[in-house]
């Protein structure tokens, strides 16, 4: 059994690092700074890391555990970009109060990234990470996934399951569906 209570201090430390490394979608260097933190954590967890460069947005990161093991791959999807412009931390700082943590990106994907990495670490420790797991960290989800869409589709195709790791909702429930976006041209 994985003891997440024991991991909580380390999880909060990583979450603070990710949140305090602001990463608005249109700032390539800022998103790549978050990517470097994720790469460090993935290396610490003993994984292969591939960087997929993007000239328009930040780079995308693919981390693979047990890539050559038997079994179908579990794909875990994340994004590193946020809707918050640089300087948001000045008015919306990272903090914890009454068993809740606040800050730009905490409830969105930065929290989900931390949960994923803690789960991977826990599964490795108890010897239960026994199938291929791929984690994709994209840089452009908040602006429509223009540079990552093909990558997502390529990785999702052969996967047994693809899970978007947004951390959930304030009431603790799990997001079971997402509203999509589309473009239409109407000629009258």
Protein backbone atom coordinates (compact mmCIF):
# COMPACT_ATOMS: atom_id res chain seq x y z
CA UNK A 1 0.00 0.00 0.00
CA UNK A 2 1.25 3.47 -0.86
CA UNK A 3 1.36 5.89 2.08
CA UNK A 4 0.53 9.25 0.52
CA UNK A 5 0.31 10.92 3.94
CA UNK A 6 4.04 10.28 4.37
CA UNK A 7 4.66 11.77 0.91
CA UNK A 8 2.61 14.91 1.53
CA UNK A 9 5.50 17.19 2.61
CA UNK A 10 7.52 16.32 -0.51
CA UNK A 11 4.41 16.65 -2.69
CA UNK A 12 3.72 20.12 -1.30
CA UNK A 13 7.36 21.14 -1.83
CA UNK A 14 7.20 20.09 -5.50
CA UNK A 15 3.79 21.74 -5.95
CA UNK A 16 5.16 24.98 -4.51
CA UNK A 17 8.11 24.84 -6.95
CA UNK A 18 5.82 24.23 -9.92
CA UNK A 19 3.30 26.92 -8.96
CA UNK A 20 5.98 29.49 -8.17
CA UNK A 21 7.53 28.82 -11.57
CA UNK A 22 4.92 30.74 -13.50
CA UNK A 23 4.19 29.34 -16.95
CA UNK A 24 1.77 31.32 -19.11
CA UNK A 25 1.06 29.57 -22.41
CA UNK A 26 2.57 32.26 -24.64
CA UNK A 27 5.88 32.46 -22.74
CA UNK A 28 8.07 29.68 -24.16
CA UNK A 29 10.94 30.22 -21.71
CA UNK A 30 8.59 30.21 -18.71
CA UNK A 31 6.88 26.96 -19.74
CA UNK A 32 10.29 25.39 -20.38
CA UNK A 33 11.35 26.30 -16.81
CA UNK A 34 8.47 24.20 -15.51
CA UNK A 35 9.52 21.50 -17.96
CA UNK A 36 13.01 21.44 -16.46
CA UNK A 37 11.56 20.83 -12.99
CA UNK A 38 9.48 17.96 -14.36
CA UNK A 39 12.48 16.48 -16.18
CA UNK A 40 14.50 16.56 -12.93
CA UNK A 41 11.72 14.76 -11.08
CA UNK A 42 11.31 12.17 -13.83
CA UNK A 43 15.05 11.46 -13.83
CA UNK A 44 14.91 11.10 -10.05
CA UNK A 45 12.20 8.49 -10.62
CA UNK A 46 14.39 6.57 -13.03
CA UNK A 47 12.67 7.19 -16.31
CA UNK A 48 13.58 7.77 -19.91
CA UNK A 49 12.77 11.35 -20.93
CA UNK A 50 12.27 12.63 -24.45
CA UNK A 51 12.01 16.34 -25.21
CA UNK A 52 9.91 17.22 -28.24
CA UNK A 53 10.91 20.73 -29.22
CA UNK A 54 8.34 23.26 -30.35
CA UNK A 55 9.27 26.50 -32.06
CA UNK A 56 5.90 28.10 -31.27
CA UNK A 57 5.31 27.08 -27.65
CA UNK A 58 7.32 25.48 -24.89
CA UNK A 59 8.77 22.04 -25.45
CA UNK A 60 6.73 18.91 -24.78
CA UNK A 61 8.08 16.16 -22.53
CA UNK A 62 7.52 12.42 -22.78
CA UNK A 63 8.50 10.28 -19.79
CA UNK A 64 8.38 6.51 -20.12
CA UNK A 65 8.56 3.94 -17.34
CA UNK A 66 8.92 0.26 -18.25
CA UNK A 67 8.79 1.10 -21.93
CA UNK A 68 9.94 -2.39 -22.92
CA UNK A 69 7.84 -4.34 -20.43
CA UNK A 70 4.96 -6.52 -21.59
CA UNK A 71 1.45 -5.18 -21.44
CA UNK A 72 -0.42 -2.28 -22.90
CA UNK A 73 0.68 1.23 -22.08
CA UNK A 74 -1.12 3.51 -19.67
CA UNK A 75 -0.91 7.09 -20.99
CA UNK A 76 -1.09 9.94 -18.46
CA UNK A 77 -1.70 13.38 -19.97
CA UNK A 78 -0.65 16.68 -18.37
CA UNK A 79 0.00 20.26 -19.39
CA UNK A 80 2.57 22.66 -18.02
CA UNK A 81 1.09 25.95 -19.23
CA UNK A 82 -1.40 28.08 -17.32
CA UNK A 83 -3.83 30.87 -18.13
CA UNK A 84 -2.14 33.12 -15.57
CA UNK A 85 0.22 35.88 -16.81
CA UNK A 86 3.65 36.44 -15.27
CA UNK A 87 3.29 38.38 -12.03
CA UNK A 88 0.09 36.62 -10.90
CA UNK A 89 1.89 35.29 -7.81
CA UNK A 90 2.16 38.83 -6.46
CA UNK A 91 -1.61 38.92 -5.95
CA UNK A 92 -2.31 35.16 -5.80
CA UNK A 93 0.56 33.57 -3.85
CA UNK A 94 1.03 29.89 -3.10
CA UNK A 95 -0.10 29.01 0.43
CA UNK A 96 -1.81 26.31 2.48
CA UNK A 97 -4.54 26.88 5.06
CA UNK A 98 -7.03 24.53 6.75
CA UNK A 99 -5.78 21.45 4.84
CA UNK A 100 -6.18 23.21 1.48
CA UNK A 101 -3.53 24.63 -0.82
CA UNK A 102 -3.98 27.65 -3.06
CA UNK A 103 -2.15 29.26 -5.96
CA UNK A 104 -2.23 29.54 -9.75
CA UNK A 105 -2.38 26.06 -11.24
CA UNK A 106 -2.83 24.16 -7.95
CA UNK A 107 -6.29 22.84 -8.77
CA UNK A 108 -5.51 22.48 -12.45
CA UNK A 109 -2.65 20.56 -13.93
CA UNK A 110 0.25 21.48 -11.64
CA UNK A 111 -1.52 19.61 -8.86
CA UNK A 112 -2.15 16.73 -11.26
CA UNK A 113 1.53 16.57 -12.18
CA UNK A 114 2.45 16.23 -8.51
CA UNK A 115 -0.15 13.51 -7.94
CA UNK A 116 1.13 11.55 -10.96
CA UNK A 117 4.77 11.73 -9.92
CA UNK A 118 3.94 10.75 -6.33
CA UNK A 119 1.88 7.79 -7.56
CA UNK A 120 4.70 6.65 -9.85
CA UNK A 121 7.19 6.91 -6.96
CA UNK A 122 4.86 4.95 -4.69
CA UNK A 123 4.20 2.23 -7.26
CA UNK A 124 7.94 1.85 -7.84
CA UNK A 125 8.61 1.54 -4.10
CA UNK A 126 6.04 -1.21 -3.57
CA UNK A 127 7.05 -3.05 -6.75
CA UNK A 128 3.76 -2.50 -8.53
CA UNK A 129 4.91 -0.43 -11.50
CA UNK A 130 4.90 -3.47 -13.74
CA UNK A 131 3.57 -2.30 -17.08
CA UNK A 132 4.51 0.43 -19.54
CA UNK A 133 3.48 3.89 -18.36
CA UNK A 134 3.95 7.00 -20.47
CA UNK A 135 3.44 10.51 -19.09
CA UNK A 136 3.10 13.34 -21.58
CA UNK A 137 3.59 16.92 -20.41
CA UNK A 138 2.48 19.42 -23.05
CA UNK A 139 3.08 23.15 -23.24
CA UNK A 140 0.01 24.46 -25.04
CA UNK A 141 -3.20 22.96 -23.64
CA UNK A 142 -4.59 26.28 -22.45
CA UNK A 143 -4.34 27.69 -25.98
CA UNK A 144 -5.86 24.77 -27.85
CA UNK A 145 -3.06 22.16 -28.07
CA UNK A 146 -2.05 23.28 -31.55
CA UNK A 147 1.52 21.97 -31.34
CA UNK A 148 0.78 18.92 -29.16
CA UNK A 149 -2.36 17.47 -30.72
CA UNK A 150 -0.57 15.11 -33.14
CA UNK A 151 1.73 13.97 -30.35
CA UNK A 152 -1.24 13.23 -28.08
CA UNK A 153 -2.98 11.31 -30.85
CA UNK A 154 0.17 9.32 -31.67
CA UNK A 155 0.72 8.28 -28.05
CA UNK A 156 -2.96 7.63 -27.31
CA UNK A 157 -3.52 5.37 -30.33
CA UNK A 158 -1.81 2.23 -29.01
CA UNK A 159 -2.47 2.95 -25.30
CA UNK A 160 -4.83 0.74 -23.29
CA UNK A 161 -6.14 3.85 -21.57
CA UNK A 162 -5.38 7.57 -21.61
CA UNK A 163 -6.08 9.59 -18.48
CA UNK A 164 -6.00 13.37 -18.19
CA UNK A 165 -4.51 14.03 -14.78
CA UNK A 166 -6.13 17.33 -13.83
CA UNK A 167 -6.32 17.16 -10.09
CA UNK A 168 -10.06 17.41 -9.65
CA UNK A 169 -12.60 19.80 -8.32
CA UNK A 170 -12.90 21.73 -5.07
CA UNK A 171 -15.43 19.23 -3.68
CA UNK A 172 -12.99 16.34 -4.25
CA UNK A 173 -14.87 14.79 -7.16
CA UNK A 174 -13.17 13.55 -10.31
CA UNK A 175 -13.61 15.16 -13.71
CA UNK A 176 -15.32 12.52 -15.82
CA UNK A 177 -15.71 14.58 -19.02
CA UNK A 178 -14.52 17.82 -20.56
CA UNK A 179 -16.20 20.39 -22.67
CA UNK A 180 -14.51 20.52 -26.04
CA UNK A 181 -13.75 23.29 -28.44
CA UNK A 182 -14.35 23.48 -32.13
CA UNK A 183 -14.03 25.83 -35.05
CA UNK A 184 -16.78 26.30 -37.58
CA UNK A 185 -17.16 28.39 -40.70
CA UNK A 186 -20.71 29.33 -41.54
CA UNK A 187 -21.44 30.81 -44.95
CA UNK A 188 -24.79 32.50 -45.41
